[in-house]
C-alpha cells in the first residue's frame, strides 16, 4: 500500500504536469492553425476584391491616358491659356470615358486619373511655350477625329507626336523680316514719322536676328529680352544725332515692340477673372519681371548711347499722311500671321480681325476715352472670332490672338518703365495704372463678346 501511494505521488508530481502541458499545447496548436487558415482565406477574399476593383480602373498603360497626357502637353506648348486648356482636357476625358482631372500652371501640368481613392497623378514640366496657331488648329481637328471615332486613341497619340516634331511653318529668314516689318508698322501706330519708321525697321531686323541666333542655345535664350532691349535703345540714341527731329522714345519702343509682354499681361488678367488664381498670378508676375528686364536693357542701352551721342532725348516726329496708317494696318496682320505661324489660308480672316479691333478701339476712344475704348474693340474682335469659329469649326484663337495684338497694353507698360527710368515716379505710377485698366477693359470686352456670340468651341 505504501508503494502504491508513493507511485501515485510521483505520477502527480512528474507525469501529470507534463500531460497537462502537452494537452494545452495541442489545443493551442489546433486553435492557431485554424485561425491561420481563416486569416489566409480572408486575405484571399480581400486580394480578389482588390483585383476586381483594380481591373475596373484605368491602368497605367491605358492608351486613353497616354493620348490625354500628350494632348495636354501639346496644347500647353502651343500657347493655350490655362482656363481654356483645363476646360478642353476635362471635356476630352469625359468623351473618352476617363475619370480624372487636369490642373494647369504656366510651367507645368498635373494630370490625375481614376477615382479619388485610387488617383494616379502625373506631373509634366513645360519649360517654354510658343504661340503656334497652325499646330493648334491641327490639334483641334485631331481631337474631333478621335472623339468621333475616326481615329483610335493610339493613332491619335502618334499624330500628336507628328505635330510636335514637325518643322516650323515659316522659315527663319521670313520670321526675321516680319520682326522688322512689325517694328516699322508699330512706329506708325505710335505716331512716328518716316525717320522713326526707317530706324525701327532696322532695329527690328537686328532684334529678329538676335532672336534667331540666341534662341538656339539654352543659356543665351534666357537673356535675349534685355539684350534685345539694350540694342534697340542704343540704336535709337545713336541715330538721333544724325536724324533730327527724331523721337528716341518711339524709336526704342517700336524697335523692341515684339518683346513687350502685353499679350501675357492680358492673358494673366483673364485667368484671374476666370478664377484661375494660381496661374493668373504666376503669369502676371512673370510678365512684370520681363518688363523689368526690358527696362534694365533700355536703361543700359540709353546710357551707353549717350557716351557716343549728345543728341537730345526729346524730339517731336514729323507726322505722316493718314493713308500711311492703312498701309501699316495691312502689313502688321501679315507679320502677326507669320510670327504666330498661322496657316496661309487664314491670312484674310486675320487681316479682317485686325481691322475690326483697331477700328473698334478708335471708335470706342471717341466715346469712352483711350483706356476704356479698348473694350469696344475687344467686343468686336471677340464676337467676330466666335462667329468665325462657328462657321469654320476652327479655334477662335486663330483670329483673336492677332487681333488682340493691336489692343494689348504693352506700349503703356513700357511708358511706365520709361518714366521710372527718368525718375518720374508719379507719372510712372499713373501709367502703370492705365496699363492695368486697359488690360481689364480688354478682358471685360472679350467676356461680353462671349455673351453676345457664345463660343461653340473651347479653343
Protein backbone atom coordinates (compact mmCIF):
# COMPACT_ATOMS: atom_id res chain seq x y z
CA UNK A 1 0.00 0.00 0.00
CA UNK A 2 2.80 2.32 0.84
CA UNK A 3 4.43 1.54 -2.51
CA UNK A 4 1.19 2.36 -4.37
CA UNK A 5 0.84 5.71 -2.64
CA UNK A 6 4.44 6.52 -3.44
CA UNK A 7 3.84 5.75 -7.17
CA UNK A 8 0.73 7.92 -7.31
CA UNK A 9 2.56 10.79 -5.67
CA UNK A 10 5.41 10.60 -8.20
CA UNK A 11 2.88 10.47 -11.08
CA UNK A 12 1.14 13.63 -9.84
CA UNK A 13 4.41 15.43 -9.34
CA UNK A 14 6.26 14.39 -12.52
CA UNK A 15 3.96 12.97 -15.19
CA UNK A 16 0.69 14.81 -14.70
CA UNK A 17 2.09 18.34 -15.23
CA UNK A 18 3.70 17.17 -18.46
CA UNK A 19 0.40 15.69 -19.66
CA UNK A 20 -1.41 18.93 -18.88
CA UNK A 21 1.24 20.92 -20.72
CA UNK A 22 1.01 18.68 -23.77
CA UNK A 23 -2.79 18.98 -23.80
CA UNK A 24 -2.67 22.74 -23.56
CA UNK A 25 -0.07 22.88 -26.34
CA UNK A 26 -2.17 20.55 -28.52
CA UNK A 27 -5.33 22.63 -28.06
CA UNK A 28 -3.46 25.90 -28.73
CA UNK A 29 -1.88 24.46 -31.85
CA UNK A 30 -5.26 23.43 -33.21
CA UNK A 31 -6.68 26.90 -32.48
CA UNK A 32 -3.77 28.74 -34.07
CA UNK A 33 -3.78 26.58 -37.16
CA UNK A 34 -7.49 27.16 -37.59
CA UNK A 35 -7.00 30.91 -37.16
CA UNK A 36 -4.18 30.85 -39.71
CA UNK A 37 -6.34 29.17 -42.34
CA UNK A 38 -9.17 31.62 -41.57
CA UNK A 39 -6.92 34.64 -41.99
CA UNK A 40 -5.48 33.19 -45.17
CA UNK A 41 -8.97 32.77 -46.58
CA UNK A 42 -9.86 36.34 -45.61
CA UNK A 43 -6.71 37.66 -47.27
CA UNK A 44 -7.56 35.73 -50.40
CA UNK A 45 -11.02 37.29 -50.44
CA UNK A 46 -9.57 40.80 -49.93
CA UNK A 47 -7.00 40.26 -52.67
CA UNK A 48 -9.72 39.11 -55.02
CA UNK A 49 -11.81 42.18 -54.23
CA UNK A 50 -8.81 44.48 -54.78
CA UNK A 51 -8.06 42.74 -58.03
CA UNK A 52 -11.62 43.22 -59.21
CA UNK A 53 -11.54 46.90 -58.17
CA UNK A 54 -8.20 47.49 -59.87
CA UNK A 55 -9.41 45.92 -63.07
CA UNK A 56 -12.30 48.40 -63.22
CA UNK A 57 -9.89 51.37 -63.00
CA UNK A 58 -7.78 52.64 -65.93
CA UNK A 59 -4.30 51.16 -65.68
CA UNK A 60 -1.05 52.96 -66.35
CA UNK A 61 -0.80 51.52 -69.87
CA UNK A 62 -4.27 52.67 -70.92
CA UNK A 63 -3.86 54.28 -74.38
CA UNK A 64 -6.54 56.82 -73.46
CA UNK A 65 -4.31 58.14 -70.68
CA UNK A 66 -1.30 58.34 -72.98
CA UNK A 67 -3.37 60.26 -75.52
CA UNK A 68 -4.76 62.69 -72.92
CA UNK A 69 -1.32 63.42 -71.42
CA UNK A 70 0.29 64.04 -74.81
CA UNK A 71 -2.61 66.24 -75.91
CA UNK A 72 -2.44 68.38 -72.78
CA UNK A 73 1.29 68.82 -73.15
CA UNK A 74 0.97 69.79 -76.82
CA UNK A 75 -1.83 72.31 -76.23
CA UNK A 76 0.14 73.88 -73.39
CA UNK A 77 3.25 74.12 -75.53
CA UNK A 78 1.47 75.95 -78.35
CA UNK A 79 0.12 78.77 -76.22
CA UNK A 80 -3.29 77.65 -74.91
CA UNK A 81 -4.28 79.65 -71.83
CA UNK A 82 -4.87 77.87 -68.52
CA UNK A 83 -8.65 78.14 -68.30
CA UNK A 84 -9.16 77.02 -71.89
CA UNK A 85 -6.71 74.14 -71.53
CA UNK A 86 -8.37 72.82 -68.36
CA UNK A 87 -11.83 73.03 -69.91
CA UNK A 88 -10.62 71.33 -73.08
CA UNK A 89 -8.90 68.47 -71.27
CA UNK A 90 -11.83 67.83 -68.92
CA UNK A 91 -14.10 67.60 -71.97
CA UNK A 92 -11.71 65.16 -73.65
CA UNK A 93 -11.60 62.97 -70.53
CA UNK A 94 -15.39 62.94 -70.42
CA UNK A 95 -15.65 61.97 -74.09
CA UNK A 96 -13.06 59.21 -73.68
CA UNK A 97 -14.83 57.78 -70.64
CA UNK A 98 -11.99 58.54 -68.23
CA UNK A 99 -12.39 59.70 -64.65
CA UNK A 100 -9.74 62.35 -63.98
CA UNK A 101 -8.80 65.99 -63.67
CA UNK A 102 -6.24 68.41 -65.09
CA UNK A 103 -4.64 71.24 -63.14
CA UNK A 104 -2.53 73.60 -65.24
CA UNK A 105 0.07 76.24 -64.38
CA UNK A 106 2.18 78.33 -66.78
CA UNK A 107 5.13 75.94 -66.34
CA UNK A 108 3.52 72.55 -65.72
CA UNK A 109 0.53 70.21 -65.83
CA UNK A 110 -0.86 67.97 -63.09
CA UNK A 111 -2.91 65.14 -64.63
CA UNK A 112 -4.79 62.81 -62.28
CA UNK A 113 -6.68 59.70 -63.41
CA UNK A 114 -9.03 57.35 -61.57
CA UNK A 115 -11.43 57.76 -58.69
CA UNK A 116 -10.37 60.00 -55.77
CA UNK A 117 -9.42 56.94 -53.71
CA UNK A 118 -7.26 55.48 -56.48
CA UNK A 119 -5.77 58.58 -58.13
CA UNK A 120 -2.74 58.17 -60.35
CA UNK A 121 -1.12 61.57 -60.83
CA UNK A 122 1.40 62.62 -63.47
CA UNK A 123 3.47 65.82 -63.32
CA UNK A 124 4.53 67.23 -66.69
CA UNK A 125 7.08 70.03 -66.67
CA UNK A 126 6.72 72.52 -69.54
CA UNK A 127 9.84 74.63 -69.95
CA UNK A 128 8.65 77.12 -72.58
CA UNK A 129 5.59 77.89 -74.65
CA UNK A 130 5.14 79.44 -78.07
CA UNK A 131 2.03 80.56 -79.89
CA UNK A 132 1.62 78.35 -82.96
CA UNK A 133 -1.86 78.86 -84.40
CA UNK A 134 -1.32 76.42 -87.24
CA UNK A 135 -0.44 73.48 -84.99
CA UNK A 136 -3.20 74.49 -82.59
CA UNK A 137 -5.70 74.12 -85.44
CA UNK A 138 -4.24 70.70 -86.33
CA UNK A 139 -4.58 69.51 -82.72
CA UNK A 140 -8.18 70.73 -82.56
CA UNK A 141 -9.02 68.80 -85.72
CA UNK A 142 -7.24 65.73 -84.35
CA UNK A 143 -9.26 65.81 -81.12
CA UNK A 144 -12.51 65.95 -83.08
CA UNK A 145 -11.46 62.93 -85.14
CA UNK A 146 -10.64 60.89 -82.03
CA UNK A 147 -13.89 61.84 -80.27
CA UNK A 148 -15.94 60.95 -83.36
CA UNK A 149 -14.19 57.60 -83.66
CA UNK A 150 -12.50 58.38 -86.96
CA UNK A 151 -9.13 57.73 -85.28
CA UNK A 152 -8.27 55.47 -82.36
CA UNK A 153 -6.59 56.95 -79.30
CA UNK A 154 -3.37 55.10 -80.18
CA UNK A 155 -3.41 56.60 -83.69
CA UNK A 156 -4.23 59.99 -82.18
CA UNK A 157 -1.19 59.80 -79.89
CA UNK A 158 1.02 59.07 -82.91
CA UNK A 159 -0.47 62.01 -84.80
CA UNK A 160 0.19 64.32 -81.84
CA UNK A 161 3.83 63.28 -81.87
CA UNK A 162 3.93 64.03 -85.60
CA UNK A 163 2.58 67.54 -84.99
CA UNK A 164 5.08 68.13 -82.18
CA UNK A 165 8.09 67.10 -84.26
CA UNK A 166 7.07 68.86 -87.48
CA UNK A 167 9.28 71.82 -88.53
CA UNK A 168 8.10 75.44 -88.20
CA UNK A 169 5.66 76.55 -90.87
CA UNK A 170 7.74 79.58 -91.90
CA UNK A 171 11.49 79.85 -92.32
CA UNK A 172 13.85 81.71 -90.04
CA UNK A 173 14.60 84.48 -92.52
CA UNK A 174 10.94 85.23 -93.19
CA UNK A 175 10.31 85.38 -89.44
CA UNK A 176 13.22 87.79 -89.03
CA UNK A 177 11.89 90.05 -91.79
CA UNK A 178 8.50 90.06 -90.08
CA UNK A 179 10.20 91.20 -86.86
CA UNK A 180 11.46 94.22 -88.83
CA UNK A 181 8.16 95.00 -90.57
CA UNK A 182 6.19 94.68 -87.32
CA UNK A 183 8.53 97.18 -85.66
CA UNK A 184 8.20 99.64 -88.52
CA UNK A 185 4.40 99.34 -88.51
CA UNK A 186 4.23 99.92 -84.75
CA UNK A 187 6.22 103.13 -85.18
CA UNK A 188 3.43 104.42 -87.43
CA UNK A 189 0.77 103.37 -84.90
CA UNK A 190 2.63 105.27 -82.17
CA UNK A 191 2.71 108.46 -84.24
CA UNK A 192 6.23 108.26 -85.62
CA UNK A 193 7.44 109.83 -88.84
CA UNK A 194 9.41 108.36 -91.68
CA UNK A 195 12.66 108.59 -89.67
CA UNK A 196 11.21 106.55 -86.81
CA UNK A 197 9.70 104.01 -89.21
CA UNK A 198 13.01 103.54 -91.01
CA UNK A 199 15.16 103.27 -87.89
CA UNK A 200 12.79 100.93 -86.05
CA UNK A 201 12.59 98.67 -89.09
CA UNK A 202 16.36 98.28 -88.92
CA UNK A 203 16.23 97.79 -85.14
CA UNK A 204 13.53 95.16 -85.54
CA UNK A 205 15.70 93.37 -88.09
CA UNK A 206 18.60 93.31 -85.63
CA UNK A 207 16.36 92.08 -82.80
CA UNK A 208 14.94 89.38 -85.08
CA UNK A 209 18.47 88.27 -85.95
CA UNK A 210 19.33 88.09 -82.26
CA UNK A 211 16.21 86.00 -81.65
CA UNK A 212 17.29 83.61 -84.40
CA UNK A 213 20.86 83.37 -83.07
CA UNK A 214 20.28 83.31 -79.30
CA UNK A 215 17.25 81.03 -79.47
CA UNK A 216 19.48 78.14 -80.46
CA UNK A 217 21.16 77.95 -77.05
CA UNK A 218 19.50 77.49 -73.68
CA UNK A 219 21.55 79.96 -71.63
CA UNK A 220 21.59 82.77 -74.20
CA UNK A 221 17.85 82.41 -74.78
CA UNK A 222 17.18 83.45 -71.17
CA UNK A 223 18.90 86.83 -71.62
CA UNK A 224 17.51 87.59 -75.06
CA UNK A 225 14.92 90.16 -73.94
CA UNK A 226 17.27 92.51 -72.00
CA UNK A 227 19.95 92.27 -74.69
CA UNK A 228 17.41 92.98 -77.44
CA UNK A 229 16.08 95.95 -75.49
CA UNK A 230 19.60 97.27 -74.96
CA UNK A 231 20.38 97.05 -78.68
CA UNK A 232 17.15 98.82 -79.66
CA UNK A 233 17.73 101.61 -77.14
CA UNK A 234 21.34 102.09 -78.21
CA UNK A 235 20.45 102.27 -81.91
CA UNK A 236 17.73 104.86 -81.22
CA UNK A 237 20.06 107.13 -79.19
CA UNK A 238 22.97 106.75 -81.60
CA UNK A 239 20.88 107.52 -84.69
CA UNK A 240 19.27 110.56 -83.04
CA UNK A 241 22.48 112.61 -83.55
CA UNK A 242 22.24 112.17 -87.33
CA UNK A 243 18.47 112.33 -87.88
CA UNK A 244 16.57 115.28 -86.45
CA UNK A 245 13.85 115.63 -85.43
CA UNK A 246 13.75 112.10 -84.07
CA UNK A 247 11.84 110.61 -81.12
CA UNK A 248 14.15 108.35 -79.12
CA UNK A 249 11.17 107.05 -77.15
CA UNK A 250 9.27 105.86 -80.26
CA UNK A 251 12.47 104.59 -81.83
CA UNK A 252 13.25 102.49 -78.77
CA UNK A 253 9.74 101.17 -78.10
CA UNK A 254 8.94 100.26 -81.70
CA UNK A 255 12.27 98.51 -82.16
CA UNK A 256 11.54 96.10 -79.30
CA UNK A 257 7.73 96.00 -79.61
CA UNK A 258 7.75 92.26 -80.32
CA UNK A 259 9.41 91.64 -76.95
CA UNK A 260 6.84 93.56 -74.89
CA UNK A 261 4.67 91.05 -72.93
CA UNK A 262 1.38 92.88 -73.40
CA UNK A 263 -0.41 89.72 -74.50
CA UNK A 264 0.94 87.89 -71.44
CA UNK A 265 -0.43 90.58 -69.12
CA UNK A 266 -3.84 90.36 -70.78
CA UNK A 267 -3.87 86.56 -70.54
CA UNK A 268 -2.92 86.77 -66.86
CA UNK A 269 -5.77 89.19 -66.12
CA UNK A 270 -8.19 86.91 -67.95
CA UNK A 271 -7.07 83.91 -65.93
CA UNK A 272 -7.56 85.86 -62.71
CA UNK A 273 -11.03 86.92 -63.82
CA UNK A 274 -11.94 83.28 -64.58
CA UNK A 275 -10.81 82.27 -61.04
CA UNK A 276 -7.59 80.56 -62.12
CA UNK A 277 -5.76 82.40 -59.37
CA UNK A 278 -2.51 80.44 -59.24
CA UNK A 279 -1.89 80.52 -63.00
CA UNK A 280 -3.01 84.14 -63.33
CA UNK A 281 -0.77 85.33 -60.50
CA UNK A 282 2.24 83.37 -61.73
CA UNK A 283 1.80 84.60 -65.31
CA UNK A 284 1.32 88.20 -64.19
CA UNK A 285 4.46 88.11 -62.04
CA UNK A 286 6.39 86.59 -64.94
CA UNK A 287 5.23 89.41 -67.22
CA UNK A 288 6.19 92.07 -64.66
CA UNK A 289 9.63 90.53 -64.26
CA UNK A 290 10.05 90.55 -68.04
CA UNK A 291 9.06 94.23 -68.07
CA UNK A 292 11.80 94.92 -65.52
CA UNK A 293 14.34 93.00 -67.59
CA UNK A 294 13.42 95.03 -70.66
CA UNK A 295 13.56 98.23 -68.60
CA UNK A 296 17.06 97.34 -67.42
CA UNK A 297 18.16 96.71 -71.00
CA UNK A 298 16.68 100.03 -72.17
CA UNK A 299 18.34 101.98 -69.35
CA UNK A 300 21.68 100.35 -70.14
CA UNK A 301 21.30 100.99 -73.88
CA UNK A 302 20.42 104.65 -73.35
CA UNK A 303 23.36 105.07 -71.01
CA UNK A 304 25.81 103.55 -73.47
CA UNK A 305 24.29 105.53 -76.35
CA UNK A 306 24.79 108.82 -74.53
CA UNK A 307 28.51 108.08 -74.37
CA UNK A 308 28.63 108.28 -78.17
CA UNK A 309 25.88 110.79 -78.85
CA UNK A 310 24.99 114.18 -77.41
CA UNK A 311 21.63 114.35 -79.20
CA UNK A 312 18.51 115.36 -77.34
CA UNK A 313 16.36 112.53 -75.98
CA UNK A 314 13.22 114.56 -76.67
CA UNK A 315 12.14 115.08 -80.25
CA UNK A 316 8.84 115.60 -81.99
CA UNK A 317 8.49 113.38 -85.07
CA UNK A 318 7.16 114.65 -88.36
CA UNK A 319 3.60 113.49 -88.96
CA UNK A 320 2.91 111.15 -91.86
CA UNK A 321 -0.19 111.27 -94.09
CA UNK A 322 -3.28 109.43 -92.84
CA UNK A 323 -3.24 106.89 -95.65
CA UNK A 324 0.06 105.51 -94.34
CA UNK A 325 -1.86 104.24 -91.33
CA UNK A 326 -3.79 101.82 -93.54
CA UNK A 327 -0.53 100.60 -95.06
CA UNK A 328 0.61 99.76 -91.53
CA UNK A 329 -2.76 98.09 -90.87
CA UNK A 330 -2.19 95.90 -93.93
CA UNK A 331 1.41 94.96 -93.16
CA UNK A 332 1.08 94.25 -89.42
CA UNK A 333 -1.58 91.49 -89.71
CA UNK A 334 0.61 89.68 -92.23
CA UNK A 335 3.53 89.91 -89.80
CA UNK A 336 1.39 88.64 -86.93
CA UNK A 337 0.26 85.68 -89.04
CA UNK A 338 3.87 84.70 -89.69
CA UNK A 339 5.10 85.30 -86.14
CA UNK A 340 2.20 83.26 -84.73
CA UNK A 341 2.62 80.66 -87.51
CA UNK A 342 -0.93 80.69 -88.77
CA UNK A 343 -1.85 78.83 -91.94
CA UNK A 344 -1.62 80.90 -95.15
CA UNK A 345 -5.32 80.39 -95.94
CA UNK A 346 -6.19 82.20 -92.69
CA UNK A 347 -4.45 85.45 -93.70
CA UNK A 348 -7.56 87.23 -95.00
CA UNK A 349 -9.51 86.46 -91.81
CA UNK A 350 -6.62 87.57 -89.61
CA UNK A 351 -6.37 90.82 -91.54
CA UNK A 352 -10.10 91.43 -91.13
CA UNK A 353 -9.90 90.78 -87.39
CA UNK A 354 -7.06 93.31 -87.03
CA UNK A 355 -9.05 95.94 -88.91
CA UNK A 356 -12.09 95.32 -86.71
CA UNK A 357 -10.13 95.55 -83.46
CA UNK A 358 -8.31 98.72 -84.48
CA UNK A 359 -11.44 100.45 -85.79
CA UNK A 360 -13.44 99.45 -82.71
CA UNK A 361 -10.76 100.81 -80.39
CA UNK A 362 -10.68 104.10 -82.31
CA UNK A 363 -14.48 104.48 -82.16
CA UNK A 364 -14.55 103.49 -78.52
CA UNK A 365 -11.85 106.05 -77.68
CA UNK A 366 -14.08 108.80 -79.08
CA UNK A 367 -16.96 107.73 -76.80
CA UNK A 368 -15.26 106.42 -73.66
CA UNK A 369 -11.67 107.64 -73.76
CA UNK A 370 -8.48 105.84 -74.82
CA UNK A 371 -8.36 103.43 -71.85
CA UNK A 372 -11.97 102.26 -71.80
CA UNK A 373 -12.37 102.47 -75.58
CA UNK A 374 -10.34 99.27 -75.88
CA UNK A 375 -13.40 97.44 -74.54
CA UNK A 376 -15.33 98.23 -77.75
CA UNK A 377 -12.54 96.82 -79.90
CA UNK A 378 -12.39 93.71 -77.70
CA UNK A 379 -16.14 93.15 -78.07
CA UNK A 380 -15.87 93.34 -81.85
CA UNK A 381 -12.85 91.06 -82.11
CA UNK A 382 -14.30 88.56 -79.61
CA UNK A 383 -17.69 88.34 -81.33
CA UNK A 384 -16.08 88.11 -84.76
CA UNK A 385 -13.69 85.35 -83.65
CA UNK A 386 -16.51 83.31 -82.12
CA UNK A 387 -18.54 83.72 -85.32
CA UNK A 388 -15.53 82.65 -87.37
CA UNK A 389 -15.12 79.59 -85.13
CA UNK A 390 -18.79 78.66 -85.55
CA UNK A 391 -18.70 78.92 -89.34
CA UNK A 392 -15.29 77.34 -89.96
CA UNK A 393 -15.26 74.91 -86.99
CA UNK A 394 -11.75 76.04 -86.16
CA UNK A 395 -10.33 77.56 -82.95
CA UNK A 396 -11.34 81.16 -82.32
CA UNK A 397 -7.75 81.87 -81.26
CA UNK A 398 -6.70 81.91 -84.94
CA UNK A 399 -8.27 85.34 -85.44
CA UNK A 400 -8.50 86.51 -81.83
CA UNK A 401 -4.80 86.43 -80.89
CA UNK A 402 -3.51 88.54 -83.84
CA UNK A 403 -6.40 90.99 -83.44
CA UNK A 404 -5.63 91.44 -79.74
CA UNK A 405 -2.06 92.47 -80.55
CA UNK A 406 -3.33 95.90 -81.62
CA UNK A 407 -5.16 96.31 -78.29
CA UNK A 408 -2.85 94.90 -75.62
CA UNK A 409 -1.35 97.47 -73.23
CA UNK A 410 2.29 96.60 -73.78
CA UNK A 411 3.31 100.06 -75.01
CA UNK A 412 1.64 101.66 -71.97
CA UNK A 413 3.60 99.37 -69.68
CA UNK A 414 6.81 100.39 -71.40
CA UNK A 415 5.84 104.03 -70.88
CA UNK A 416 5.60 103.35 -67.16
CA UNK A 417 9.07 101.82 -67.15
CA UNK A 418 10.48 104.76 -69.11
CA UNK A 419 9.05 107.15 -66.52
CA UNK A 420 10.67 105.14 -63.73
CA UNK A 421 14.00 105.28 -65.57
CA UNK A 422 13.68 109.07 -65.81
CA UNK A 423 12.80 109.14 -62.07
CA UNK A 424 9.31 110.49 -62.72
CA UNK A 425 7.62 108.27 -60.16
CA UNK A 426 4.21 109.95 -60.22
CA UNK A 427 3.88 109.64 -63.98
CA UNK A 428 5.16 106.06 -63.83
CA UNK A 429 2.51 105.01 -61.31
CA UNK A 430 -0.24 106.71 -63.31
CA UNK A 431 0.89 104.96 -66.49
CA UNK A 432 1.06 101.58 -64.74
CA UNK A 433 -2.49 102.05 -63.50
CA UNK A 434 -3.56 102.90 -67.07
CA UNK A 435 -1.96 99.66 -68.27
CA UNK A 436 -3.96 97.58 -65.77
CA UNK A 437 -7.12 99.49 -66.66
CA UNK A 438 -6.64 98.80 -70.37
CA UNK A 439 -5.99 95.11 -69.69
CA UNK A 440 -9.15 94.82 -67.56
CA UNK A 441 -11.18 96.67 -70.23
CA UNK A 442 -9.84 94.28 -72.87
CA UNK A 443 -10.71 91.18 -70.84
CA UNK A 444 -14.16 92.56 -70.00
CA UNK A 445 -14.82 93.16 -73.67
CA UNK A 446 -13.91 89.57 -74.51
CA UNK A 447 -16.23 88.24 -71.80
CA UNK A 448 -19.08 90.43 -73.10
CA UNK A 449 -18.39 89.11 -76.60
CA UNK A 450 -18.89 85.56 -75.32
CA UNK A 451 -22.35 86.60 -74.14
CA UNK A 452 -23.24 88.28 -77.42
CA UNK A 453 -21.87 85.48 -79.58
CA UNK A 454 -21.41 82.34 -77.42
CA UNK A 455 -18.43 80.24 -78.48
CA UNK A 456 -19.10 76.75 -79.82
CA UNK A 457 -15.54 75.54 -79.28
CA UNK A 458 -13.33 75.86 -76.21
CA UNK A 459 -10.10 76.72 -78.04
